[in-house]
Amino acid sequence: MHDIRKSQQEMCRRFGAPFLEADVQLKIGISRNFGVHDAPINGLRHPPDGDTTGWYIWSGEWSDAPDFFQPHHLHHLYAQYPDLIKFLGLAPGWRFLFAPNYEDVWEDQSLLNI
């Protein structure tokens, strides 16, 4: 777990983002069509609420469908998609885009106004 935290903190330093640990016992929203091989992979973080981290992650195209995101415990993502873990220390109000040989992180203050 120490290595995970260290890689998340390094990602935050690299992009000048604040670090906020996402508790592995909490939930994230992940798209129904999510596939780690379906690039690009997008993530955004709203403020944590209740039993959620605030993270929403999807691959491919976005959908406005009310059931687009399904709840999953974060620890499942850690086991199944280790390449994404480094992004999950980004604080609320931040996004990422991840694809083969490409990654970007940026601040989006509109995510704080939900």
PDB file of N, CA and C in Angstrom:
ATOM      1  N   MET A   1       0.821  -1.193   0.000  1.00  0.00           N
ATOM      2  CA  MET A   1       0.000   0.000   0.000  1.00  0.00           C
ATOM      3  C   MET A   1       0.870   1.263   0.000  1.00  0.00           C
ATOM      4  N   HIS A   2       2.043   1.162   0.613  1.00  0.00           N
ATOM      5  CA  HIS A   2       2.958   2.298   0.649  1.00  0.00           C
ATOM      6  C   HIS A   2       3.386   2.705  -0.760  1.00  0.00           C
ATOM      7  N   ASP A   3       3.670   1.721  -1.630  1.00  0.00           N
ATOM      8  CA  ASP A   3       4.073   2.010  -3.001  1.00  0.00           C
ATOM      9  C   ASP A   3       2.952   2.679  -3.779  1.00  0.00           C
ATOM     10  N   ILE A   4       1.716   2.272  -3.526  1.00  0.00           N
ATOM     11  CA  ILE A   4       0.567   2.880  -4.189  1.00  0.00           C
ATOM     12  C   ILE A   4       0.467   4.350  -3.801  1.00  0.00           C
ATOM     13  N   ARG A   5       0.523   4.617  -2.521  1.00  0.00           N
ATOM     14  CA  ARG A   5       0.437   5.998  -2.032  1.00  0.00           C
ATOM     15  C   ARG A   5       1.569   6.845  -2.615  1.00  0.00           C
ATOM     16  N   LYS A   6       2.754   6.276  -2.662  1.00  0.00           N
ATOM     17  CA  LYS A   6       3.916   6.993  -3.194  1.00  0.00           C
ATOM     18  C   LYS A   6       3.714   7.324  -4.677  1.00  0.00           C
ATOM     19  N   SER A   7       3.221   6.374  -5.470  1.00  0.00           N
ATOM     20  CA  SER A   7       2.998   6.630  -6.900  1.00  0.00           C
ATOM     21  C   SER A   7       1.905   7.676  -7.106  1.00  0.00           C
ATOM     22  N   GLN A   8       0.880   7.685  -6.243  1.00  0.00           N
ATOM     23  CA  GLN A   8      -0.182   8.689  -6.337  1.00  0.00           C
ATOM     24  C   GLN A   8       0.344  10.078  -5.977  1.00  0.00           C
ATOM     25  N   GLN A   9       1.147  10.147  -4.944  1.00  0.00           N
ATOM     26  CA  GLN A   9       1.723  11.433  -4.553  1.00  0.00           C
ATOM     27  C   GLN A   9       2.654  11.960  -5.641  1.00  0.00           C
ATOM     28  N   GLU A  10       3.405  11.080  -6.268  1.00  0.00           N
ATOM     29  CA  GLU A  10       4.296  11.492  -7.357  1.00  0.00           C
ATOM     30  C   GLU A  10       3.491  12.048  -8.538  1.00  0.00           C
ATOM     31  N   MET A  11       2.384  11.402  -8.875  1.00  0.00           N
ATOM     32  CA  MET A  11       1.517  11.886  -9.954  1.00  0.00           C
ATOM     33  C   MET A  11       1.003  13.285  -9.618  1.00  0.00           C
ATOM     34  N   CYS A  12       0.592  13.488  -8.395  1.00  0.00           N
ATOM     35  CA  CYS A  12       0.099  14.808  -7.979  1.00  0.00           C
ATOM     36  C   CYS A  12       1.208  15.855  -8.075  1.00  0.00           C
ATOM     37  N   ARG A  13       2.389  15.518  -7.616  1.00  0.00           N
ATOM     38  CA  ARG A  13       3.525  16.452  -7.715  1.00  0.00           C
ATOM     39  C   ARG A  13       3.828  16.806  -9.165  1.00  0.00           C
ATOM     40  N   ARG A  14       3.814  15.792  -9.999  1.00  0.00           N
ATOM     41  CA  ARG A  14       4.135  15.992 -11.419  1.00  0.00           C
ATOM     42  C   ARG A  14       3.216  16.998 -12.096  1.00  0.00           C
ATOM     43  N   PHE A  15       1.938  16.985 -11.715  1.00  0.00           N
ATOM     44  CA  PHE A  15       0.963  17.870 -12.358  1.00  0.00           C
ATOM     45  C   PHE A  15       0.543  19.042 -11.471  1.00  0.00           C
ATOM     46  N   GLY A  16       1.172  19.184 -10.312  1.00  0.00           N
ATOM     47  CA  GLY A  16       0.843  20.301  -9.428  1.00  0.00           C
ATOM     48  C   GLY A  16      -0.535  20.194  -8.807  1.00  0.00           C
ATOM     49  N   ALA A  17      -0.983  18.990  -8.578  1.00  0.00           N
ATOM     50  CA  ALA A  17      -2.323  18.751  -8.033  1.00  0.00           C
ATOM     51  C   ALA A  17      -2.233  18.405  -6.551  1.00  0.00           C
ATOM     52  N   PRO A  18      -3.227  18.798  -5.776  1.00  0.00           N
ATOM     53  CA  PRO A  18      -3.258  18.364  -4.379  1.00  0.00           C
ATOM     54  C   PRO A  18      -3.530  16.856  -4.300  1.00  0.00           C
ATOM     55  N   PHE A  19      -3.040  16.239  -3.231  1.00  0.00           N
ATOM     56  CA  PHE A  19      -3.237  14.809  -2.994  1.00  0.00           C
ATOM     57  C   PHE A  19      -4.372  14.612  -1.995  1.00  0.00           C
ATOM     58  N   LEU A  20      -5.284  13.709  -2.306  1.00  0.00           N
ATOM     59  CA  LEU A  20      -6.316  13.289  -1.371  1.00  0.00           C
ATOM     60  C   LEU A  20      -6.510  11.793  -1.579  1.00  0.00           C
ATOM     61  N   GLU A  21      -6.105  11.032  -0.598  1.00  0.00           N
ATOM     62  CA  GLU A  21      -6.192   9.573  -0.695  1.00  0.00           C
ATOM     63  C   GLU A  21      -7.639   9.139  -0.871  1.00  0.00           C
ATOM     64  N   ALA A  22      -7.832   8.143  -1.734  1.00  0.00           N
ATOM     65  CA  ALA A  22      -9.145   7.534  -1.935  1.00  0.00           C
ATOM     66  C   ALA A  22      -9.153   6.225  -1.155  1.00  0.00           C
ATOM     67  N   ASP A  23      -9.972   6.150  -0.145  1.00  0.00           N
ATOM     68  CA  ASP A  23     -10.058   4.966   0.710  1.00  0.00           C
ATOM     69  C   ASP A  23     -10.496   3.755  -0.117  1.00  0.00           C
ATOM     70  N   VAL A  24      -9.724   2.677  -0.072  1.00  0.00           N
ATOM     71  CA  VAL A  24     -10.011   1.488  -0.881  1.00  0.00           C
ATOM     72  C   VAL A  24     -11.309   0.791  -0.478  1.00  0.00           C
ATOM     73  N   GLN A  25     -11.852   1.108   0.678  1.00  0.00           N
ATOM     74  CA  GLN A  25     -13.112   0.502   1.109  1.00  0.00           C
ATOM     75  C   GLN A  25     -14.329   1.251   0.569  1.00  0.00           C
ATOM     76  N   LEU A  26     -14.092   2.421  -0.013  1.00  0.00           N
ATOM     77  CA  LEU A  26     -15.195   3.216  -0.559  1.00  0.00           C
ATOM     78  C   LEU A  26     -15.462   2.829  -2.015  1.00  0.00           C
ATOM     79  N   LYS A  27     -16.501   3.424  -2.581  1.00  0.00           N
ATOM     80  CA  LYS A  27     -16.931   3.081  -3.936  1.00  0.00           C
ATOM     81  C   LYS A  27     -16.534   4.148  -4.948  1.00  0.00           C
ATOM     82  N   ILE A  28     -16.446   3.697  -6.193  1.00  0.00           N
ATOM     83  CA  ILE A  28     -16.274   4.581  -7.340  1.00  0.00           C
ATOM     84  C   ILE A  28     -17.421   4.300  -8.293  1.00  0.00           C
ATOM     85  N   GLY A  29     -17.646   5.194  -9.238  1.00  0.00           N
ATOM     86  CA  GLY A  29     -18.565   4.934 -10.333  1.00  0.00           C
ATOM     87  C   GLY A  29     -17.740   4.524 -11.536  1.00  0.00           C
ATOM     88  N   ILE A  30     -18.063   3.401 -12.125  1.00  0.00           N
ATOM     89  CA  ILE A  30     -17.328   2.942 -13.305  1.00  0.00           C
ATOM     90  C   ILE A  30     -18.351   2.617 -14.393  1.00  0.00           C
ATOM     91  N   SER A  31     -18.046   2.990 -15.620  1.00  0.00           N
ATOM     92  CA  SER A  31     -19.029   2.826 -16.695  1.00  0.00           C
ATOM     93  C   SER A  31     -19.304   1.357 -16.984  1.00  0.00           C
ATOM     94  N   ARG A  32     -20.529   1.112 -17.397  1.00  0.00           N
ATOM     95  CA  ARG A  32     -20.940  -0.259 -17.756  1.00  0.00           C
ATOM     96  C   ARG A  32     -20.047  -0.830 -18.848  1.00  0.00           C
ATOM     97  N   ASN A  33     -19.625   0.028 -19.781  1.00  0.00           N
ATOM     98  CA  ASN A  33     -18.847  -0.433 -20.930  1.00  0.00           C
ATOM     99  C   ASN A  33     -17.342  -0.374 -20.679  1.00  0.00           C
ATOM    100  N   PHE A  34     -16.933  -0.213 -19.416  1.00  0.00           N
ATOM    101  CA  PHE A  34     -15.515  -0.025 -19.128  1.00  0.00           C
ATOM    102  C   PHE A  34     -14.699  -1.238 -19.531  1.00  0.00           C
ATOM    103  N   GLY A  35     -13.612  -0.938 -20.215  1.00  0.00           N
ATOM    104  CA  GLY A  35     -12.642  -1.962 -20.571  1.00  0.00           C
ATOM    105  C   GLY A  35     -11.263  -1.335 -20.553  1.00  0.00           C
ATOM    106  N   VAL A  36     -10.347  -1.938 -19.864  1.00  0.00           N
ATOM    107  CA  VAL A  36      -9.022  -1.359 -19.723  1.00  0.00           C
ATOM    108  C   VAL A  36      -8.312  -1.250 -21.076  1.00  0.00           C
ATOM    109  N   HIS A  37      -8.749  -2.016 -22.061  1.00  0.00           N
ATOM    110  CA  HIS A  37      -8.133  -1.965 -23.384  1.00  0.00           C
ATOM    111  C   HIS A  37      -8.902  -1.063 -24.339  1.00  0.00           C
ATOM    112  N   ASP A  38      -9.962  -0.428 -23.865  1.00  0.00           N
ATOM    113  CA  ASP A  38     -10.759   0.477 -24.683  1.00  0.00           C
ATOM    114  C   ASP A  38     -10.327   1.909 -24.407  1.00  0.00           C
ATOM    115  N   ALA A  39      -9.344   2.364 -25.141  1.00  0.00           N
ATOM    116  CA  ALA A  39      -8.805   3.708 -24.940  1.00  0.00           C
ATOM    117  C   ALA A  39      -9.691   4.737 -25.632  1.00  0.00           C
ATOM    118  N   PRO A  40      -9.724   5.923 -25.132  1.00  0.00           N
ATOM    119  CA  PRO A  40      -9.029   6.370 -23.932  1.00  0.00           C
ATOM    120  C   PRO A  40      -9.821   6.044 -22.672  1.00  0.00           C
ATOM    121  N   ILE A  41      -9.134   6.079 -21.544  1.00  0.00           N
ATOM    122  CA  ILE A  41      -9.776   5.932 -20.245  1.00  0.00           C
ATOM    123  C   ILE A  41      -9.797   7.313 -19.601  1.00  0.00           C
ATOM    124  N   ASN A  42     -10.968   7.716 -19.167  1.00  0.00           N
ATOM    125  CA  ASN A  42     -11.171   9.024 -18.545  1.00  0.00           C
ATOM    126  C   ASN A  42     -11.569   8.854 -17.094  1.00  0.00           C
ATOM    127  N   GLY A  43     -11.155   9.793 -16.279  1.00  0.00           N
ATOM    128  CA  GLY A  43     -11.580   9.806 -14.889  1.00  0.00           C
ATOM    129  C   GLY A  43     -11.775  11.229 -14.419  1.00  0.00           C
ATOM    130  N   LEU A  44     -12.747  11.417 -13.557  1.00  0.00           N
ATOM    131  CA  LEU A  44     -12.974  12.718 -12.940  1.00  0.00           C
ATOM    132  C   LEU A  44     -13.347  12.493 -11.492  1.00  0.00           C
ATOM    133  N   ARG A  45     -13.017  13.495 -10.665  1.00  0.00           N
ATOM    134  CA  ARG A  45     -13.297  13.334  -9.242  1.00  0.00           C
ATOM    135  C   ARG A  45     -14.114  14.497  -8.703  1.00  0.00           C
ATOM    136  N   HIS A  46     -15.312  14.157  -8.243  1.00  0.00           N
ATOM    137  CA  HIS A  46     -16.156  15.074  -7.488  1.00  0.00           C
ATOM    138  C   HIS A  46     -15.758  14.958  -6.015  1.00  0.00           C
ATOM    139  N   PRO A  47     -16.250  15.834  -5.162  1.00  0.00           N
ATOM    140  CA  PRO A  47     -15.977  15.667  -3.729  1.00  0.00           C
ATOM    141  C   PRO A  47     -16.544  14.338  -3.216  1.00  0.00           C
ATOM    142  N   PRO A  48     -15.827  13.662  -2.327  1.00  0.00           N
ATOM    143  CA  PRO A  48     -16.354  12.425  -1.736  1.00  0.00           C
ATOM    144  C   PRO A  48     -17.690  12.703  -1.043  1.00  0.00           C
ATOM    145  N   ASP A  49     -18.566  11.701  -1.087  1.00  0.00           N
ATOM    146  CA  ASP A  49     -19.887  11.852  -0.472  1.00  0.00           C
ATOM    147  C   ASP A  49     -20.330  10.495   0.053  1.00  0.00           C
ATOM    148  N   GLY A  50     -20.624  10.421   1.340  1.00  0.00           N
ATOM    149  CA  GLY A  50     -21.084   9.161   1.926  1.00  0.00           C
ATOM    150  C   GLY A  50     -20.042   8.072   1.785  1.00  0.00           C
ATOM    151  N   ASP A  51     -20.427   6.990   1.091  1.00  0.00           N
ATOM    152  CA  ASP A  51     -19.510   5.857   0.935  1.00  0.00           C
ATOM    153  C   ASP A  51     -18.809   5.854  -0.428  1.00  0.00           C
ATOM    154  N   THR A  52     -18.681   7.047  -1.031  1.00  0.00           N
ATOM    155  CA  THR A  52     -18.016   7.137  -2.326  1.00  0.00           C
ATOM    156  C   THR A  52     -16.746   7.988  -2.247  1.00  0.00           C
ATOM    157  N   THR A  53     -15.816   7.696  -3.168  1.00  0.00           N
ATOM    158  CA  THR A  53     -14.565   8.469  -3.259  1.00  0.00           C
ATOM    159  C   THR A  53     -14.740   9.744  -4.064  1.00  0.00           C
ATOM    160  N   GLY A  54     -15.801   9.802  -4.860  1.00  0.00           N
ATOM    161  CA  GLY A  54     -16.000  10.910  -5.790  1.00  0.00           C
ATOM    162  C   GLY A  54     -15.495  10.597  -7.188  1.00  0.00           C
ATOM    163  N   TRP A  55     -14.820   9.457  -7.373  1.00  0.00           N
ATOM    164  CA  TRP A  55     -14.269   9.097  -8.676  1.00  0.00           C
ATOM    165  C   TRP A  55     -15.323   8.484  -9.587  1.00  0.00           C
ATOM    166  N   TYR A  56     -15.280   8.918 -10.873  1.00  0.00           N
ATOM    167  CA  TYR A  56     -16.076   8.334 -11.951  1.00  0.00           C
ATOM    168  C   TYR A  56     -15.117   8.049 -13.095  1.00  0.00           C
ATOM    169  N   ILE A  57     -15.114   6.807 -13.568  1.00  0.00           N
ATOM    170  CA  ILE A  57     -14.147   6.376 -14.576  1.00  0.00           C
ATOM    171  C   ILE A  57     -14.905   5.683 -15.704  1.00  0.00           C
ATOM    172  N   TRP A  58     -14.516   6.005 -16.947  1.00  0.00           N
ATOM    173  CA  TRP A  58     -15.131   5.376 -18.107  1.00  0.00           C
ATOM    174  C   TRP A  58     -14.104   5.225 -19.219  1.00  0.00           C
ATOM    175  N   SER A  59     -14.413   4.329 -20.137  1.00  0.00           N
ATOM    176  CA  SER A  59     -13.573   4.154 -21.321  1.00  0.00           C
ATOM    177  C   SER A  59     -14.436   4.390 -22.545  1.00  0.00           C
ATOM    178  N   GLY A  60     -13.768   4.780 -23.618  1.00  0.00           N
ATOM    179  CA  GLY A  60     -14.498   5.034 -24.854  1.00  0.00           C
ATOM    180  C   GLY A  60     -15.365   6.277 -24.747  1.00  0.00           C
ATOM    181  N   GLU A  61     -16.528   6.204 -25.318  1.00  0.00           N
ATOM    182  CA  GLU A  61     -17.424   7.354 -25.404  1.00  0.00           C
ATOM    183  C   GLU A  61     -18.249   7.555 -24.136  1.00  0.00           C
ATOM    184  N   TRP A  62     -18.480   8.811 -23.795  1.00  0.00           N
ATOM    185  CA  TRP A  62     -19.325   9.226 -22.671  1.00  0.00           C
ATOM    186  C   TRP A  62     -20.786   9.000 -23.024  1.00  0.00           C
ATOM    187  N   SER A  63     -21.596   8.726 -22.038  1.00  0.00           N
ATOM    188  CA  SER A  63     -23.039   8.610 -22.224  1.00  0.00           C
ATOM    189  C   SER A  63     -23.752   9.350 -21.110  1.00  0.00           C
ATOM    190  N   ASP A  64     -24.880   9.964 -21.448  1.00  0.00           N
ATOM    191  CA  ASP A  64     -25.718  10.629 -20.448  1.00  0.00           C
ATOM    192  C   ASP A  64     -26.759   9.683 -19.852  1.00  0.00           C
ATOM    193  N   ALA A  65     -26.703   8.422 -20.212  1.00  0.00           N
ATOM    194  CA  ALA A  65     -27.673   7.451 -19.700  1.00  0.00           C
ATOM    195  C   ALA A  65     -27.604   7.400 -18.174  1.00  0.00           C
ATOM    196  N   PRO A  66     -28.767   7.346 -17.511  1.00  0.00           N
ATOM    197  CA  PRO A  66     -28.762   7.357 -16.046  1.00  0.00           C
ATOM    198  C   PRO A  66     -28.059   6.148 -15.421  1.00  0.00           C
ATOM    199  N   ASP A  67     -27.929   5.064 -16.164  1.00  0.00           N
ATOM    200  CA  ASP A  67     -27.262   3.884 -15.616  1.00  0.00           C
ATOM    201  C   ASP A  67     -25.868   3.677 -16.213  1.00  0.00           C
ATOM    202  N   PHE A  68     -25.284   4.741 -16.778  1.00  0.00           N
ATOM    203  CA  PHE A  68     -23.954   4.646 -17.397  1.00  0.00           C
ATOM    204  C   PHE A  68     -22.897   4.215 -16.383  1.00  0.00           C
ATOM    205  N   PHE A  69     -22.978   4.759 -15.160  1.00  0.00           N
ATOM    206  CA  PHE A  69     -22.016   4.406 -14.110  1.00  0.00           C
ATOM    207  C   PHE A  69     -22.631   3.416 -13.136  1.00  0.00           C
ATOM    208  N   GLN A  70     -21.825   2.417 -12.765  1.00  0.00           N
ATOM    209  CA  GLN A  70     -22.219   1.424 -11.788  1.00  0.00           C
ATOM    210  C   GLN A  70     -21.270   1.517 -10.596  1.00  0.00           C
ATOM    211  N   PRO A  71     -21.770   1.323  -9.366  1.00  0.00           N
ATOM    212  CA  PRO A  71     -20.882   1.401  -8.198  1.00  0.00           C
ATOM    213  C   PRO A  71     -20.002   0.167  -8.062  1.00  0.00           C
ATOM    214  N   HIS A  72     -18.745   0.398  -7.743  1.00  0.00           N
ATOM    215  CA  HIS A  72     -17.777  -0.671  -7.483  1.00  0.00           C
ATOM    216  C   HIS A  72     -16.895  -0.241  -6.330  1.00  0.00           C
ATOM    217  N   HIS A  73     -16.505  -1.187  -5.495  1.00  0.00           N
ATOM    218  CA  HIS A  73     -15.552  -0.865  -4.439  1.00  0.00           C
ATOM    219  C   HIS A  73     -14.184  -0.624  -5.074  1.00  0.00           C
ATOM    220  N   LEU A  74     -13.516   0.398  -4.603  1.00  0.00           N
ATOM    221  CA  LEU A  74     -12.239   0.792  -5.172  1.00  0.00           C
ATOM    222  C   LEU A  74     -11.216  -0.331  -5.133  1.00  0.00           C
ATOM    223  N   HIS A  75     -11.229  -1.156  -4.099  1.00  0.00           N
ATOM    224  CA  HIS A  75     -10.207  -2.211  -4.004  1.00  0.00           C
ATOM    225  C   HIS A  75     -10.268  -3.173  -5.187  1.00  0.00           C
ATOM    226  N   HIS A  76     -11.436  -3.330  -5.826  1.00  0.00           N
ATOM    227  CA  HIS A  76     -11.528  -4.179  -7.019  1.00  0.00           C
ATOM    228  C   HIS A  76     -10.759  -3.550  -8.180  1.00  0.00           C
ATOM    229  N   LEU A  77     -10.842  -2.247  -8.305  1.00  0.00           N
ATOM    230  CA  LEU A  77     -10.114  -1.550  -9.370  1.00  0.00           C
ATOM    231  C   LEU A  77      -8.612  -1.696  -9.172  1.00  0.00           C
ATOM    232  N   TYR A  78      -8.169  -1.615  -7.918  1.00  0.00           N
ATOM    233  CA  TYR A  78      -6.745  -1.760  -7.621  1.00  0.00           C
ATOM    234  C   TYR A  78      -6.228  -3.109  -8.120  1.00  0.00           C
ATOM    235  N   ALA A  79      -7.013  -4.150  -7.936  1.00  0.00           N
ATOM    236  CA  ALA A  79      -6.591  -5.491  -8.331  1.00  0.00           C
ATOM    237  C   ALA A  79      -6.697  -5.703  -9.841  1.00  0.00           C
ATOM    238  N   GLN A  80      -7.737  -5.154 -10.467  1.00  0.00           N
ATOM    239  CA  GLN A  80      -8.006  -5.440 -11.870  1.00  0.00           C
ATOM    240  C   GLN A  80      -7.315  -4.486 -12.846  1.00  0.00           C
ATOM    241  N   TYR A  81      -7.066  -3.239 -12.449  1.00  0.00           N
ATOM    242  CA  TYR A  81      -6.543  -2.228 -13.367  1.00  0.00           C
ATOM    243  C   TYR A  81      -5.411  -1.435 -12.715  1.00  0.00           C
ATOM    244  N   PRO A  82      -4.295  -2.066 -12.444  1.00  0.00           N
ATOM    245  CA  PRO A  82      -3.220  -1.403 -11.698  1.00  0.00           C
ATOM    246  C   PRO A  82      -2.648  -0.161 -12.376  1.00  0.00           C
ATOM    247  N   ASP A  83      -2.759  -0.046 -13.707  1.00  0.00           N
ATOM    248  CA  ASP A  83      -2.235   1.139 -14.392  1.00  0.00           C
ATOM    249  C   ASP A  83      -2.983   2.420 -14.038  1.00  0.00           C
ATOM    250  N   LEU A  84      -4.200   2.290 -13.527  1.00  0.00           N
ATOM    251  CA  LEU A  84      -4.998   3.470 -13.192  1.00  0.00           C
ATOM    252  C   LEU A  84      -4.763   3.976 -11.776  1.00  0.00           C
ATOM    253  N   ILE A  85      -4.172   3.164 -10.947  1.00  0.00           N
ATOM    254  CA  ILE A  85      -4.053   3.467  -9.525  1.00  0.00           C
ATOM    255  C   ILE A  85      -3.316   4.766  -9.258  1.00  0.00           C
ATOM    256  N   LYS A  86      -2.305   5.068 -10.053  1.00  0.00           N
ATOM    257  CA  LYS A  86      -1.498   6.266  -9.814  1.00  0.00           C
ATOM    258  C   LYS A  86      -2.304   7.552  -9.913  1.00  0.00           C
ATOM    259  N   PHE A  87      -3.439   7.532 -10.603  1.00  0.00           N
ATOM    260  CA  PHE A  87      -4.260   8.731 -10.769  1.00  0.00           C
ATOM    261  C   PHE A  87      -5.202   8.979  -9.584  1.00  0.00           C
ATOM    262  N   LEU A  88      -5.454   7.972  -8.776  1.00  0.00           N
ATOM    263  CA  LEU A  88      -6.556   8.034  -7.822  1.00  0.00           C
ATOM    264  C   LEU A  88      -6.262   8.801  -6.541  1.00  0.00           C
ATOM    265  N   GLY A  89      -5.099   9.425  -6.442  1.00  0.00           N
ATOM    266  CA  GLY A  89      -4.798  10.330  -5.333  1.00  0.00           C
ATOM    267  C   GLY A  89      -5.070  11.782  -5.686  1.00  0.00           C
ATOM    268  N   LEU A  90      -5.446  12.033  -6.944  1.00  0.00           N
ATOM    269  CA  LEU A  90      -5.785  13.399  -7.345  1.00  0.00           C
ATOM    270  C   LEU A  90      -6.993  13.871  -6.544  1.00  0.00           C
ATOM    271  N   ALA A  91      -6.956  15.091  -6.110  1.00  0.00           N
ATOM    272  CA  ALA A  91      -8.028  15.650  -5.278  1.00  0.00           C
ATOM    273  C   ALA A  91      -9.291  15.905  -6.102  1.00  0.00           C
ATOM    274  N   PRO A  92     -10.425  16.103  -5.431  1.00  0.00           N
ATOM    275  CA  PRO A  92     -11.639  16.508  -6.139  1.00  0.00           C
ATOM    276  C   PRO A  92     -11.366  17.767  -6.961  1.00  0.00           C
ATOM    277  N   GLY A  93     -11.995  17.808  -8.129  1.00  0.00           N
ATOM    278  CA  GLY A  93     -11.793  18.929  -9.033  1.00  0.00           C
ATOM    279  C   GLY A  93     -10.711  18.660 -10.065  1.00  0.00           C
ATOM    280  N   TRP A  94     -10.279  17.395 -10.166  1.00  0.00           N
ATOM    281  CA  TRP A  94      -9.242  17.023 -11.122  1.00  0.00           C
ATOM    282  C   TRP A  94      -9.726  15.892 -12.013  1.00  0.00           C
ATOM    283  N   ARG A  95      -9.148  15.831 -13.224  1.00  0.00           N
ATOM    284  CA  ARG A  95      -9.475  14.822 -14.235  1.00  0.00           C
ATOM    285  C   ARG A  95      -8.201  14.178 -14.751  1.00  0.00           C
ATOM    286  N   PHE A  96      -8.369  13.020 -15.368  1.00  0.00           N
ATOM    287  CA  PHE A  96      -7.256  12.416 -16.095  1.00  0.00           C
ATOM    288  C   PHE A  96      -7.761  11.783 -17.385  1.00  0.00           C
ATOM    289  N   LEU A  97      -6.839  11.642 -18.328  1.00  0.00           N
ATOM    290  CA  LEU A  97      -7.060  10.940 -19.585  1.00  0.00           C
ATOM    291  C   LEU A  97      -5.857  10.036 -19.777  1.00  0.00           C
ATOM    292  N   PHE A  98      -6.112   8.763 -20.024  1.00  0.00           N
ATOM    293  CA  PHE A  98      -5.055   7.770 -20.098  1.00  0.00           C
ATOM    294  C   PHE A  98      -5.269   6.909 -21.338  1.00  0.00           C
ATOM    295  N   ALA A  99      -4.211   6.751 -22.125  1.00  0.00           N
ATOM    296  CA  ALA A  99      -4.238   5.898 -23.307  1.00  0.00           C
ATOM    297  C   ALA A  99      -2.823   5.346 -23.487  1.00  0.00           C
ATOM    298  N   PRO A 100      -2.645   4.360 -24.347  1.00  0.00           N
ATOM    299  CA  PRO A 100      -1.286   3.851 -24.564  1.00  0.00           C
ATOM    300  C   PRO A 100      -0.335   4.990 -24.961  1.00  0.00           C
ATOM    301  N   ASN A 101       0.754   5.095 -24.255  1.00  0.00           N
ATOM    302  CA  ASN A 101       1.784   6.110 -24.502  1.00  0.00           C
ATOM    303  C   ASN A 101       1.294   7.540 -24.331  1.00  0.00           C
ATOM    304  N   TYR A 102       0.217   7.734 -23.567  1.00  0.00           N
ATOM    305  CA  TYR A 102      -0.301   9.084 -23.357  1.00  0.00           C
ATOM    306  C   TYR A 102      -1.001   9.163 -21.999  1.00  0.00           C
ATOM    307  N   GLU A 103      -0.746  10.248 -21.283  1.00  0.00           N
ATOM    308  CA  GLU A 103      -1.517  10.534 -20.075  1.00  0.00           C
ATOM    309  C   GLU A 103      -1.541  12.037 -19.881  1.00  0.00           C
ATOM    310  N   ASP A 104      -2.672  12.520 -19.403  1.00  0.00           N
ATOM    311  CA  ASP A 104      -2.833  13.935 -19.132  1.00  0.00           C
ATOM    312  C   ASP A 104      -3.664  14.072 -17.865  1.00  0.00           C
ATOM    313  N   VAL A 105      -3.384  15.129 -17.120  1.00  0.00           N
ATOM    314  CA  VAL A 105      -4.090  15.438 -15.878  1.00  0.00           C
ATOM    315  C   VAL A 105      -4.348  16.931 -15.890  1.00  0.00           C
ATOM    316  N   TRP A 106      -5.552  17.343 -15.504  1.00  0.00           N
ATOM    317  CA  TRP A 106      -5.850  18.766 -15.451  1.00  0.00           C
ATOM    318  C   TRP A 106      -6.924  19.055 -14.415  1.00  0.00           C
ATOM    319  N   GLU A 107      -6.925  20.301 -13.987  1.00  0.00           N
ATOM    320  CA  GLU A 107      -7.897  20.762 -12.997  1.00  0.00           C
ATOM    321  C   GLU A 107      -9.168  21.196 -13.711  1.00  0.00           C
ATOM    322  N   ASP A 108     -10.316  20.891 -13.108  1.00  0.00           N
ATOM    323  CA  ASP A 108     -11.618  21.273 -13.623  1.00  0.00           C
ATOM    324  C   ASP A 108     -12.485  21.655 -12.421  1.00  0.00           C
ATOM    325  N   GLN A 109     -12.455  22.918 -12.078  1.00  0.00           N
ATOM    326  CA  GLN A 109     -13.171  23.406 -10.898  1.00  0.00           C
ATOM    327  C   GLN A 109     -14.667  23.163 -10.963  1.00  0.00           C
ATOM    328  N   SER A 110     -15.237  22.991 -12.164  1.00  0.00           N
ATOM    329  CA  SER A 110     -16.680  22.755 -12.269  1.00  0.00           C
ATOM    330  C   SER A 110     -17.073  21.442 -11.597  1.00  0.00           C
ATOM    331  N   LEU A 111     -16.126  20.535 -11.405  1.00  0.00           N
ATOM    332  CA  LEU A 111     -16.438  19.261 -10.745  1.00  0.00           C
ATOM    333  C   LEU A 111     -16.749  19.439  -9.257  1.00  0.00           C
ATOM    334  N   LEU A 112     -16.395  20.587  -8.712  1.00  0.00           N
ATOM    335  CA  LEU A 112     -16.650  20.846  -7.306  1.00  0.00           C
ATOM    336  C   LEU A 112     -18.055  21.377  -7.053  1.00  0.00           C
ATOM    337  N   ASN A 113     -18.753  21.775  -8.120  1.00  0.00           N
ATOM    338  CA  ASN A 113     -20.089  22.361  -8.023  1.00  0.00           C
ATOM    339  C   ASN A 113     -21.137  21.370  -8.494  1.00  0.00           C
ATOM    340  N   ILE A 114     -21.408  20.367  -7.653  1.00  0.00           N
ATOM    341  CA  ILE A 114     -22.407  19.365  -8.058  1.00  0.00           C
ATOM    342  C   ILE A 114     -23.659  19.502  -7.224  1.00  0.00           C
TER     343      ILE A 114
END
